[in-house]
Structures are given as C-alpha cells and as structure tokens.
Amino acid sequence: SSYFQIQKYEVTSGSLFTNSQINNSESVVILGEQAAKEIFTD
C-alpha cells in the first residue's frame, strides 16, 4: 500500500489495499483510470 504514496498516485474512487487484504493475499486489484476506460469501453 505504501507504493502509491511513494509514486504519488491519486485515488479517484475506492480505497487502497488494506493490511488485511495484503496479509491474506486477497485477489483485489487497483486500476489506472486509462486502463479502466479501455477495459470497460461501455
């Protein structure tokens, strides 16, 4: 989760990884805005 602060990414919606999600290796993902637009074209 520290990666986003280091790289100075700004969250536009939702929330970053929680410690619980990281520790449990949950299958969650965060998308860049451009990637989200390209994947969900509708």
PDB file of all heavy atoms in Angstrom:
ATOM      1  N   SER A   1       0.819  -1.217   0.000  1.00  0.00           N
ATOM      2  CA  SER A   1       0.000   0.000   0.000  1.00  0.00           C
ATOM      3  C   SER A   1       0.853   1.269   0.000  1.00  0.00           C
ATOM      4  O   SER A   1       0.415   2.312  -0.480  1.00  0.00           O
ATOM      5  CB  SER A   1      -0.941   0.000   1.217  1.00  0.00           C
ATOM      6  OG  SER A   1      -0.204  -0.166   2.420  1.00  0.00           O
ATOM      7  N   SER A   2       2.094   1.192   0.503  1.00  0.00           N
ATOM      8  CA  SER A   2       2.971   2.370   0.533  1.00  0.00           C
ATOM      9  C   SER A   2       3.407   2.789  -0.862  1.00  0.00           C
ATOM     10  O   SER A   2       3.818   3.939  -1.079  1.00  0.00           O
ATOM     11  CB  SER A   2       4.211   2.085   1.385  1.00  0.00           C
ATOM     12  OG  SER A   2       3.869   1.793   2.713  1.00  0.00           O
ATOM     13  N   TYR A   3       3.327   1.869  -1.808  1.00  0.00           N
ATOM     14  CA  TYR A   3       3.783   2.133  -3.170  1.00  0.00           C
ATOM     15  C   TYR A   3       3.088   3.358  -3.769  1.00  0.00           C
ATOM     16  O   TYR A   3       3.718   4.170  -4.451  1.00  0.00           O
ATOM     17  CB  TYR A   3       3.519   0.903  -4.030  1.00  0.00           C
ATOM     18  CG  TYR A   3       3.894   1.049  -5.485  1.00  0.00           C
ATOM     19  CD1 TYR A   3       5.195   0.825  -5.909  1.00  0.00           C
ATOM     20  CD2 TYR A   3       2.939   1.401  -6.441  1.00  0.00           C
ATOM     21  CE1 TYR A   3       5.544   0.940  -7.248  1.00  0.00           C
ATOM     22  CE2 TYR A   3       3.273   1.517  -7.773  1.00  0.00           C
ATOM     23  CZ  TYR A   3       4.574   1.290  -8.176  1.00  0.00           C
ATOM     24  OH  TYR A   3       4.907   1.416  -9.501  1.00  0.00           O
ATOM     25  N   PHE A   4       1.815   3.507  -3.500  1.00  0.00           N
ATOM     26  CA  PHE A   4       1.036   4.582  -4.119  1.00  0.00           C
ATOM     27  C   PHE A   4       1.442   5.946  -3.576  1.00  0.00           C
ATOM     28  O   PHE A   4       1.426   6.938  -4.299  1.00  0.00           O
ATOM     29  CB  PHE A   4      -0.458   4.324  -3.893  1.00  0.00           C
ATOM     30  CG  PHE A   4      -0.883   2.972  -4.378  1.00  0.00           C
ATOM     31  CD1 PHE A   4      -1.070   1.919  -3.495  1.00  0.00           C
ATOM     32  CD2 PHE A   4      -1.070   2.727  -5.730  1.00  0.00           C
ATOM     33  CE1 PHE A   4      -1.428   0.665  -3.941  1.00  0.00           C
ATOM     34  CE2 PHE A   4      -1.436   1.475  -6.194  1.00  0.00           C
ATOM     35  CZ  PHE A   4      -1.608   0.436  -5.297  1.00  0.00           C
ATOM     36  N   GLN A   5       1.799   5.999  -2.302  1.00  0.00           N
ATOM     37  CA  GLN A   5       2.276   7.256  -1.723  1.00  0.00           C
ATOM     38  C   GLN A   5       3.670   7.586  -2.248  1.00  0.00           C
ATOM     39  O   GLN A   5       3.967   8.750  -2.539  1.00  0.00           O
ATOM     40  CB  GLN A   5       2.297   7.158  -0.195  1.00  0.00           C
ATOM     41  CG  GLN A   5       2.660   8.470   0.495  1.00  0.00           C
ATOM     42  CD  GLN A   5       2.573   8.372   2.005  1.00  0.00           C
ATOM     43  OE1 GLN A   5       2.041   7.405   2.553  1.00  0.00           O
ATOM     44  NE2 GLN A   5       3.090   9.381   2.686  1.00  0.00           N
ATOM     45  N   ILE A   6       4.501   6.561  -2.404  1.00  0.00           N
ATOM     46  CA  ILE A   6       5.848   6.778  -2.930  1.00  0.00           C
ATOM     47  C   ILE A   6       5.785   7.316  -4.350  1.00  0.00           C
ATOM     48  O   ILE A   6       6.504   8.245  -4.723  1.00  0.00           O
ATOM     49  CB  ILE A   6       6.653   5.462  -2.889  1.00  0.00           C
ATOM     50  CG1 ILE A   6       6.873   5.006  -1.446  1.00  0.00           C
ATOM     51  CG2 ILE A   6       7.993   5.623  -3.603  1.00  0.00           C
ATOM     52  CD1 ILE A   6       7.479   3.611  -1.320  1.00  0.00           C
ATOM     53  N   GLN A   7       4.899   6.733  -5.161  1.00  0.00           N
ATOM     54  CA  GLN A   7       4.780   7.130  -6.562  1.00  0.00           C
ATOM     55  C   GLN A   7       3.852   8.333  -6.764  1.00  0.00           C
ATOM     56  O   GLN A   7       3.689   8.811  -7.884  1.00  0.00           O
ATOM     57  CB  GLN A   7       4.260   5.947  -7.392  1.00  0.00           C
ATOM     58  CG  GLN A   7       5.174   4.740  -7.405  1.00  0.00           C
ATOM     59  CD  GLN A   7       6.463   4.996  -8.146  1.00  0.00           C
ATOM     60  OE1 GLN A   7       6.599   5.982  -8.863  1.00  0.00           O
ATOM     61  NE2 GLN A   7       7.439   4.121  -7.981  1.00  0.00           N
ATOM     62  N   LYS A   8       3.233   8.809  -5.688  1.00  0.00           N
ATOM     63  CA  LYS A   8       2.360   9.985  -5.725  1.00  0.00           C
ATOM     64  C   LYS A   8       1.133   9.764  -6.612  1.00  0.00           C
ATOM     65  O   LYS A   8       0.743  10.634  -7.395  1.00  0.00           O
ATOM     66  CB  LYS A   8       3.136  11.223  -6.179  1.00  0.00           C
ATOM     67  CG  LYS A   8       4.296  11.572  -5.265  1.00  0.00           C
ATOM     68  CD  LYS A   8       5.058  12.793  -5.761  1.00  0.00           C
ATOM     69  CE  LYS A   8       6.233  13.104  -4.840  1.00  0.00           C
ATOM     70  NZ  LYS A   8       7.022  14.274  -5.311  1.00  0.00           N
ATOM     71  N   TYR A   9       0.529   8.586  -6.492  1.00  0.00           N
ATOM     72  CA  TYR A   9      -0.712   8.321  -7.211  1.00  0.00           C
ATOM     73  C   TYR A   9      -1.893   8.877  -6.428  1.00  0.00           C
ATOM     74  O   TYR A   9      -1.917   8.817  -5.200  1.00  0.00           O
ATOM     75  CB  TYR A   9      -0.919   6.814  -7.411  1.00  0.00           C
ATOM     76  CG  TYR A   9       0.017   6.200  -8.424  1.00  0.00           C
ATOM     77  CD1 TYR A   9       0.916   5.201  -8.050  1.00  0.00           C
ATOM     78  CD2 TYR A   9      -0.011   6.600  -9.746  1.00  0.00           C
ATOM     79  CE1 TYR A   9       1.779   4.630  -8.985  1.00  0.00           C
ATOM     80  CE2 TYR A   9       0.842   6.035 -10.677  1.00  0.00           C
ATOM     81  CZ  TYR A   9       1.731   5.059 -10.291  1.00  0.00           C
ATOM     82  OH  TYR A   9       2.588   4.497 -11.209  1.00  0.00           O
ATOM     83  N   GLU A  10      -2.862   9.382  -7.153  1.00  0.00           N
ATOM     84  CA  GLU A  10      -4.066   9.957  -6.538  1.00  0.00           C
ATOM     85  C   GLU A  10      -5.257   9.025  -6.750  1.00  0.00           C
ATOM     86  O   GLU A  10      -5.558   8.645  -7.896  1.00  0.00           O
ATOM     87  CB  GLU A  10      -4.350  11.330  -7.152  1.00  0.00           C
ATOM     88  CG  GLU A  10      -5.597  11.998  -6.614  1.00  0.00           C
ATOM     89  CD  GLU A  10      -5.899  13.310  -7.304  1.00  0.00           C
ATOM     90  OE1 GLU A  10      -4.983  13.866  -7.957  1.00  0.00           O
ATOM     91  OE2 GLU A  10      -7.054  13.774  -7.216  1.00  0.00           O
ATOM     92  N   VAL A  11      -5.917   8.648  -5.671  1.00  0.00           N
ATOM     93  CA  VAL A  11      -7.086   7.769  -5.760  1.00  0.00           C
ATOM     94  C   VAL A  11      -8.280   8.577  -6.253  1.00  0.00           C
ATOM     95  O   VAL A  11      -8.634   9.605  -5.685  1.00  0.00           O
ATOM     96  CB  VAL A  11      -7.406   7.134  -4.389  1.00  0.00           C
ATOM     97  CG1 VAL A  11      -8.653   6.256  -4.492  1.00  0.00           C
ATOM     98  CG2 VAL A  11      -6.229   6.325  -3.881  1.00  0.00           C
ATOM     99  N   THR A  12      -8.914   8.121  -7.324  1.00  0.00           N
ATOM    100  CA  THR A  12     -10.089   8.816  -7.850  1.00  0.00           C
ATOM    101  C   THR A  12     -11.388   8.178  -7.362  1.00  0.00           C
ATOM    102  O   THR A  12     -12.416   8.840  -7.300  1.00  0.00           O
ATOM    103  CB  THR A  12     -10.070   8.820  -9.389  1.00  0.00           C
ATOM    104  OG1 THR A  12      -9.914   7.479  -9.869  1.00  0.00           O
ATOM    105  CG2 THR A  12      -8.903   9.656  -9.897  1.00  0.00           C
ATOM    106  N   SER A  13     -11.336   6.891  -7.039  1.00  0.00           N
ATOM    107  CA  SER A  13     -12.508   6.224  -6.460  1.00  0.00           C
ATOM    108  C   SER A  13     -12.043   4.979  -5.726  1.00  0.00           C
ATOM    109  O   SER A  13     -11.020   4.386  -6.068  1.00  0.00           O
ATOM    110  CB  SER A  13     -13.532   5.849  -7.545  1.00  0.00           C
ATOM    111  OG  SER A  13     -12.969   4.958  -8.484  1.00  0.00           O
ATOM    112  N   GLY A  14     -12.812   4.595  -4.694  1.00  0.00           N
ATOM    113  CA  GLY A  14     -12.456   3.424  -3.920  1.00  0.00           C
ATOM    114  C   GLY A  14     -11.379   3.713  -2.889  1.00  0.00           C
ATOM    115  O   GLY A  14     -11.154   4.864  -2.496  1.00  0.00           O
ATOM    116  N   SER A  15     -10.692   2.689  -2.453  1.00  0.00           N
ATOM    117  CA  SER A  15      -9.643   2.840  -1.433  1.00  0.00           C
ATOM    118  C   SER A  15      -8.495   1.891  -1.728  1.00  0.00           C
ATOM    119  O   SER A  15      -8.667   0.881  -2.426  1.00  0.00           O
ATOM    120  CB  SER A  15     -10.208   2.569  -0.044  1.00  0.00           C
ATOM    121  OG  SER A  15     -10.774   1.269   0.019  1.00  0.00           O
ATOM    122  N   LEU A  16      -7.323   2.201  -1.187  1.00  0.00           N
ATOM    123  CA  LEU A  16      -6.131   1.403  -1.430  1.00  0.00           C
ATOM    124  C   LEU A  16      -6.184   0.084  -0.662  1.00  0.00           C
ATOM    125  O   LEU A  16      -7.087  -0.148   0.128  1.00  0.00           O
ATOM    126  CB  LEU A  16      -4.888   2.206  -1.035  1.00  0.00           C
ATOM    127  CG  LEU A  16      -4.670   3.525  -1.793  1.00  0.00           C
ATOM    128  CD1 LEU A  16      -3.444   4.253  -1.255  1.00  0.00           C
ATOM    129  CD2 LEU A  16      -4.538   3.283  -3.288  1.00  0.00           C
ATOM    130  N   PHE A  17      -5.190  -0.750  -0.885  1.00  0.00           N
ATOM    131  CA  PHE A  17      -5.119  -2.035  -0.204  1.00  0.00           C
ATOM    132  C   PHE A  17      -5.068  -1.841   1.313  1.00  0.00           C
ATOM    133  O   PHE A  17      -4.391  -0.948   1.819  1.00  0.00           O
ATOM    134  CB  PHE A  17      -3.854  -2.800  -0.618  1.00  0.00           C
ATOM    135  CG  PHE A  17      -3.739  -3.058  -2.088  1.00  0.00           C
ATOM    136  CD1 PHE A  17      -2.576  -2.747  -2.767  1.00  0.00           C
ATOM    137  CD2 PHE A  17      -4.788  -3.624  -2.793  1.00  0.00           C
ATOM    138  CE1 PHE A  17      -2.462  -2.985  -4.116  1.00  0.00           C
ATOM    139  CE2 PHE A  17      -4.688  -3.872  -4.148  1.00  0.00           C
ATOM    140  CZ  PHE A  17      -3.511  -3.553  -4.818  1.00  0.00           C
ATOM    141  N   THR A  18      -5.785  -2.687   2.018  1.00  0.00           N
ATOM    142  CA  THR A  18      -5.715  -2.685   3.481  1.00  0.00           C
ATOM    143  C   THR A  18      -4.666  -3.716   3.921  1.00  0.00           C
ATOM    144  O   THR A  18      -4.270  -4.598   3.151  1.00  0.00           O
ATOM    145  CB  THR A  18      -7.060  -3.045   4.107  1.00  0.00           C
ATOM    146  OG1 THR A  18      -7.407  -4.396   3.721  1.00  0.00           O
ATOM    147  CG2 THR A  18      -8.154  -2.094   3.630  1.00  0.00           C
ATOM    148  N   ASN A  19      -4.219  -3.603   5.163  1.00  0.00           N
ATOM    149  CA  ASN A  19      -3.255  -4.578   5.691  1.00  0.00           C
ATOM    150  C   ASN A  19      -3.828  -5.981   5.670  1.00  0.00           C
ATOM    151  O   ASN A  19      -3.123  -6.959   5.411  1.00  0.00           O
ATOM    152  CB  ASN A  19      -2.851  -4.191   7.116  1.00  0.00           C
ATOM    153  CG  ASN A  19      -1.993  -2.942   7.155  1.00  0.00           C
ATOM    154  OD1 ASN A  19      -1.280  -2.646   6.196  1.00  0.00           O
ATOM    155  ND2 ASN A  19      -2.059  -2.205   8.254  1.00  0.00           N
ATOM    156  N   SER A  20      -5.141  -6.081   5.946  1.00  0.00           N
ATOM    157  CA  SER A  20      -5.795  -7.385   5.947  1.00  0.00           C
ATOM    158  C   SER A  20      -5.758  -8.005   4.556  1.00  0.00           C
ATOM    159  O   SER A  20      -5.467  -9.199   4.405  1.00  0.00           O
ATOM    160  CB  SER A  20      -7.244  -7.250   6.425  1.00  0.00           C
ATOM    161  OG  SER A  20      -7.930  -8.475   6.307  1.00  0.00           O
ATOM    162  N   GLN A  21      -6.042  -7.210   3.534  1.00  0.00           N
ATOM    163  CA  GLN A  21      -6.031  -7.723   2.161  1.00  0.00           C
ATOM    164  C   GLN A  21      -4.634  -8.178   1.750  1.00  0.00           C
ATOM    165  O   GLN A  21      -4.469  -9.198   1.085  1.00  0.00           O
ATOM    166  CB  GLN A  21      -6.539  -6.636   1.210  1.00  0.00           C
ATOM    167  CG  GLN A  21      -8.020  -6.359   1.346  1.00  0.00           C
ATOM    168  CD  GLN A  21      -8.458  -5.131   0.578  1.00  0.00           C
ATOM    169  OE1 GLN A  21      -7.657  -4.227   0.319  1.00  0.00           O
ATOM    170  NE2 GLN A  21      -9.733  -5.083   0.201  1.00  0.00           N
ATOM    171  N   ILE A  22      -3.624  -7.419   2.190  1.00  0.00           N
ATOM    172  CA  ILE A  22      -2.240  -7.775   1.853  1.00  0.00           C
ATOM    173  C   ILE A  22      -1.811  -9.034   2.589  1.00  0.00           C
ATOM    174  O   ILE A  22      -1.251  -9.968   1.999  1.00  0.00           O
ATOM    175  CB  ILE A  22      -1.300  -6.597   2.173  1.00  0.00           C
ATOM    176  CG1 ILE A  22      -1.611  -5.411   1.251  1.00  0.00           C
ATOM    177  CG2 ILE A  22       0.163  -7.023   2.026  1.00  0.00           C
ATOM    178  CD1 ILE A  22      -0.862  -4.152   1.606  1.00  0.00           C
ATOM    179  N   ASN A  23      -2.083  -9.076   3.877  1.00  0.00           N
ATOM    180  CA  ASN A  23      -1.661 -10.221   4.693  1.00  0.00           C
ATOM    181  C   ASN A  23      -2.350 -11.511   4.267  1.00  0.00           C
ATOM    182  O   ASN A  23      -1.779 -12.599   4.363  1.00  0.00           O
ATOM    183  CB  ASN A  23      -1.932  -9.948   6.173  1.00  0.00           C
ATOM    184  CG  ASN A  23      -1.069  -8.825   6.722  1.00  0.00           C
ATOM    185  OD1 ASN A  23       0.020  -8.559   6.214  1.00  0.00           O
ATOM    186  ND2 ASN A  23      -1.552  -8.149   7.759  1.00  0.00           N
ATOM    187  N   ASN A  24      -3.602 -11.386   3.807  1.00  0.00           N
ATOM    188  CA  ASN A  24      -4.361 -12.565   3.394  1.00  0.00           C
ATOM    189  C   ASN A  24      -4.222 -12.875   1.900  1.00  0.00           C
ATOM    190  O   ASN A  24      -4.873 -13.805   1.398  1.00  0.00           O
ATOM    191  CB  ASN A  24      -5.842 -12.389   3.740  1.00  0.00           C
ATOM    192  CG  ASN A  24      -6.075 -12.307   5.240  1.00  0.00           C
ATOM    193  OD1 ASN A  24      -5.362 -12.941   6.024  1.00  0.00           O
ATOM    194  ND2 ASN A  24      -7.075 -11.523   5.644  1.00  0.00           N
ATOM    195  N   SER A  25      -3.403 -12.062   1.217  1.00  0.00           N
ATOM    196  CA  SER A  25      -3.185 -12.249  -0.229  1.00  0.00           C
ATOM    197  C   SER A  25      -4.506 -12.316  -0.988  1.00  0.00           C
ATOM    198  O   SER A  25      -4.717 -13.197  -1.843  1.00  0.00           O
ATOM    199  CB  SER A  25      -2.359 -13.521  -0.483  1.00  0.00           C
ATOM    200  OG  SER A  25      -1.095 -13.429   0.130  1.00  0.00           O
ATOM    201  N   GLU A  26      -5.416 -11.389  -0.660  1.00  0.00           N
ATOM    202  CA  GLU A  26      -6.718 -11.367  -1.320  1.00  0.00           C
ATOM    203  C   GLU A  26      -6.571 -10.960  -2.791  1.00  0.00           C
ATOM    204  O   GLU A  26      -5.675 -10.195  -3.162  1.00  0.00           O
ATOM    205  CB  GLU A  26      -7.658 -10.402  -0.595  1.00  0.00           C
ATOM    206  CG  GLU A  26      -8.000 -10.855   0.819  1.00  0.00           C
ATOM    207  CD  GLU A  26      -9.034  -9.954   1.476  1.00  0.00           C
ATOM    208  OE1 GLU A  26      -9.766  -9.260   0.736  1.00  0.00           O
ATOM    209  OE2 GLU A  26      -9.100  -9.938   2.715  1.00  0.00           O
ATOM    210  N   SER A  27      -7.439 -11.477  -3.613  1.00  0.00           N
ATOM    211  CA  SER A  27      -7.400 -11.219  -5.059  1.00  0.00           C
ATOM    212  C   SER A  27      -8.122  -9.913  -5.372  1.00  0.00           C
ATOM    213  O   SER A  27      -9.263  -9.904  -5.863  1.00  0.00           O
ATOM    214  CB  SER A  27      -8.029 -12.391  -5.819  1.00  0.00           C
ATOM    215  OG  SER A  27      -7.306 -13.574  -5.579  1.00  0.00           O
ATOM    216  N   VAL A  28      -7.471  -8.822  -5.058  1.00  0.00           N
ATOM    217  CA  VAL A  28      -8.019  -7.489  -5.331  1.00  0.00           C
ATOM    218  C   VAL A  28      -7.029  -6.726  -6.199  1.00  0.00           C
ATOM    219  O   VAL A  28      -5.825  -6.986  -6.169  1.00  0.00           O
ATOM    220  CB  VAL A  28      -8.303  -6.709  -4.030  1.00  0.00           C
ATOM    221  CG1 VAL A  28      -9.451  -7.339  -3.280  1.00  0.00           C
ATOM    222  CG2 VAL A  28      -7.057  -6.640  -3.137  1.00  0.00           C
ATOM    223  N   VAL A  29      -7.540  -5.778  -6.966  1.00  0.00           N
ATOM    224  CA  VAL A  29      -6.699  -5.063  -7.923  1.00  0.00           C
ATOM    225  C   VAL A  29      -7.120  -3.591  -7.992  1.00  0.00           C
ATOM    226  O   VAL A  29      -8.294  -3.255  -7.769  1.00  0.00           O
ATOM    227  CB  VAL A  29      -6.791  -5.718  -9.318  1.00  0.00           C
ATOM    228  CG1 VAL A  29      -8.208  -5.614  -9.885  1.00  0.00           C
ATOM    229  CG2 VAL A  29      -5.784  -5.101 -10.274  1.00  0.00           C
ATOM    230  N   ILE A  30      -6.164  -2.738  -8.271  1.00  0.00           N
ATOM    231  CA  ILE A  30      -6.403  -1.303  -8.459  1.00  0.00           C
ATOM    232  C   ILE A  30      -6.008  -0.959  -9.884  1.00  0.00           C
ATOM    233  O   ILE A  30      -4.922  -1.339 -10.347  1.00  0.00           O
ATOM    234  CB  ILE A  30      -5.581  -0.473  -7.456  1.00  0.00           C
ATOM    235  CG1 ILE A  30      -6.039  -0.779  -6.023  1.00  0.00           C
ATOM    236  CG2 ILE A  30      -5.713   1.021  -7.748  1.00  0.00           C
ATOM    237  CD1 ILE A  30      -5.194  -0.119  -4.956  1.00  0.00           C
ATOM    238  N   LEU A  31      -6.887  -0.239 -10.584  1.00  0.00           N
ATOM    239  CA  LEU A  31      -6.646   0.105 -11.985  1.00  0.00           C
ATOM    240  C   LEU A  31      -6.314   1.580 -12.138  1.00  0.00           C
ATOM    241  O   LEU A  31      -6.816   2.422 -11.400  1.00  0.00           O
ATOM    242  CB  LEU A  31      -7.871  -0.209 -12.845  1.00  0.00           C
ATOM    243  CG  LEU A  31      -8.320  -1.661 -12.953  1.00  0.00           C
ATOM    244  CD1 LEU A  31      -9.526  -1.739 -13.887  1.00  0.00           C
ATOM    245  CD2 LEU A  31      -7.200  -2.551 -13.456  1.00  0.00           C
ATOM    246  N   GLY A  32      -5.478   1.882 -13.116  1.00  0.00           N
ATOM    247  CA  GLY A  32      -5.313   3.266 -13.541  1.00  0.00           C
ATOM    248  C   GLY A  32      -6.548   3.695 -14.308  1.00  0.00           C
ATOM    249  O   GLY A  32      -7.250   2.868 -14.900  1.00  0.00           O
ATOM    250  N   GLU A  33      -6.847   4.979 -14.288  1.00  0.00           N
ATOM    251  CA  GLU A  33      -8.055   5.482 -14.962  1.00  0.00           C
ATOM    252  C   GLU A  33      -8.077   5.098 -16.442  1.00  0.00           C
ATOM    253  O   GLU A  33      -9.119   4.687 -16.973  1.00  0.00           O
ATOM    254  CB  GLU A  33      -8.143   7.003 -14.823  1.00  0.00           C
ATOM    255  CG  GLU A  33      -8.678   7.483 -13.497  1.00  0.00           C
ATOM    256  CD  GLU A  33      -8.895   8.976 -13.489  1.00  0.00           C
ATOM    257  OE1 GLU A  33      -8.115   9.705 -14.139  1.00  0.00           O
ATOM    258  OE2 GLU A  33      -9.845   9.448 -12.842  1.00  0.00           O
ATOM    259  N   GLN A  34      -6.947   5.246 -17.119  1.00  0.00           N
ATOM    260  CA  GLN A  34      -6.910   4.957 -18.543  1.00  0.00           C
ATOM    261  C   GLN A  34      -7.170   3.483 -18.806  1.00  0.00           C
ATOM    262  O   GLN A  34      -7.914   3.126 -19.724  1.00  0.00           O
ATOM    263  CB  GLN A  34      -5.555   5.374 -19.127  1.00  0.00           C
ATOM    264  CG  GLN A  34      -5.436   5.209 -20.631  1.00  0.00           C
ATOM    265  CD  GLN A  34      -6.478   6.020 -21.387  1.00  0.00           C
ATOM    266  OE1 GLN A  34      -6.815   7.136 -20.991  1.00  0.00           O
ATOM    267  NE2 GLN A  34      -6.982   5.472 -22.473  1.00  0.00           N
ATOM    268  N   ALA A  35      -6.562   2.612 -18.005  1.00  0.00           N
ATOM    269  CA  ALA A  35      -6.783   1.180 -18.172  1.00  0.00           C
ATOM    270  C   ALA A  35      -8.248   0.827 -17.940  1.00  0.00           C
ATOM    271  O   ALA A  35      -8.831   0.008 -18.657  1.00  0.00           O
ATOM    272  CB  ALA A  35      -5.885   0.400 -17.214  1.00  0.00           C
ATOM    273  N   ALA A  36      -8.867   1.465 -16.925  1.00  0.00           N
ATOM    274  CA  ALA A  36     -10.276   1.197 -16.630  1.00  0.00           C
ATOM    275  C   ALA A  36     -11.170   1.586 -17.815  1.00  0.00           C
ATOM    276  O   ALA A  36     -12.106   0.868 -18.177  1.00  0.00           O
ATOM    277  CB  ALA A  36     -10.694   1.963 -15.382  1.00  0.00           C
ATOM    278  N   LYS A  37     -10.863   2.716 -18.454  1.00  0.00           N
ATOM    279  CA  LYS A  37     -11.649   3.163 -19.611  1.00  0.00           C
ATOM    280  C   LYS A  37     -11.482   2.201 -20.781  1.00  0.00           C
ATOM    281  O   LYS A  37     -12.422   1.945 -21.524  1.00  0.00           O
ATOM    282  CB  LYS A  37     -11.213   4.569 -20.022  1.00  0.00           C
ATOM    283  CG  LYS A  37     -11.587   5.653 -19.023  1.00  0.00           C
ATOM    284  CD  LYS A  37     -11.069   7.009 -19.472  1.00  0.00           C
ATOM    285  CE  LYS A  37     -11.398   8.093 -18.461  1.00  0.00           C
ATOM    286  NZ  LYS A  37     -10.840   9.415 -18.868  1.00  0.00           N
ATOM    287  N   GLU A  38     -10.266   1.685 -20.947  1.00  0.00           N
ATOM    288  CA  GLU A  38     -10.010   0.769 -22.066  1.00  0.00           C
ATOM    289  C   GLU A  38     -10.641  -0.600 -21.838  1.00  0.00           C
ATOM    290  O   GLU A  38     -11.095  -1.241 -22.793  1.00  0.00           O
ATOM    291  CB  GLU A  38      -8.506   0.631 -22.271  1.00  0.00           C
ATOM    292  CG  GLU A  38      -7.827   1.912 -22.739  1.00  0.00           C
ATOM    293  CD  GLU A  38      -6.311   1.802 -22.760  1.00  0.00           C
ATOM    294  OE1 GLU A  38      -5.794   0.741 -22.349  1.00  0.00           O
ATOM    295  OE2 GLU A  38      -5.652   2.765 -23.169  1.00  0.00           O
ATOM    296  N   ILE A  39     -10.673  -1.044 -20.589  1.00  0.00           N
ATOM    297  CA  ILE A  39     -11.238  -2.368 -20.289  1.00  0.00           C
ATOM    298  C   ILE A  39     -12.762  -2.321 -20.314  1.00  0.00           C
ATOM    299  O   ILE A  39     -13.416  -3.200 -20.876  1.00  0.00           O
ATOM    300  CB  ILE A  39     -10.735  -2.865 -18.925  1.00  0.00           C
ATOM    301  CG1 ILE A  39      -9.228  -3.123 -18.983  1.00  0.00           C
ATOM    302  CG2 ILE A  39     -11.469  -4.144 -18.508  1.00  0.00           C
ATOM    303  CD1 ILE A  39      -8.592  -3.425 -17.644  1.00  0.00           C
ATOM    304  N   PHE A  40     -13.342  -1.277 -19.705  1.00  0.00           N
ATOM    305  CA  PHE A  40     -14.809  -1.127 -19.670  1.00  0.00           C
ATOM    306  C   PHE A  40     -15.216  -0.064 -20.688  1.00  0.00           C
ATOM    307  O   PHE A  40     -15.505   1.094 -20.348  1.00  0.00           O
ATOM    308  CB  PHE A  40     -15.267  -0.748 -18.261  1.00  0.00           C
ATOM    309  CG  PHE A  40     -14.962  -1.797 -17.230  1.00  0.00           C
ATOM    310  CD1 PHE A  40     -13.827  -1.693 -16.436  1.00  0.00           C
ATOM    311  CD2 PHE A  40     -15.790  -2.901 -17.054  1.00  0.00           C
ATOM    312  CE1 PHE A  40     -13.525  -2.653 -15.480  1.00  0.00           C
ATOM    313  CE2 PHE A  40     -15.498  -3.873 -16.102  1.00  0.00           C
ATOM    314  CZ  PHE A  40     -14.356  -3.752 -15.320  1.00  0.00           C
ATOM    315  N   THR A  41     -15.213  -0.450 -21.938  1.00  0.00           N
ATOM    316  CA  THR A  41     -15.466   0.501 -23.022  1.00  0.00           C
ATOM    317  C   THR A  41     -16.900   1.031 -23.042  1.00  0.00           C
ATOM    318  O   THR A  41     -17.173   2.055 -23.658  1.00  0.00           O
ATOM    319  CB  THR A  41     -15.160  -0.159 -24.379  1.00  0.00           C
ATOM    320  OG1 THR A  41     -15.931  -1.375 -24.501  1.00  0.00           O
ATOM    321  CG2 THR A  41     -13.683  -0.502 -24.484  1.00  0.00           C
ATOM    322  N   ASP A  42     -17.816   0.323 -22.372  1.00  0.00           N
ATOM    323  CA  ASP A  42     -19.208   0.758 -22.372  1.00  0.00           C
ATOM    324  C   ASP A  42     -19.499   1.759 -21.259  1.00  0.00           C
ATOM    325  O   ASP A  42     -20.650   2.159 -21.053  1.00  0.00           O
ATOM    326  CB  ASP A  42     -20.156  -0.445 -22.237  1.00  0.00           C
ATOM    327  CG  ASP A  42     -19.892  -1.248 -20.958  1.00  0.00           C
ATOM    328  OD1 ASP A  42     -18.932  -0.911 -20.218  1.00  0.00           O
ATOM    329  OD2 ASP A  42     -20.654  -2.204 -20.698  1.00  0.00           O
TER     330      ASP A  42
END
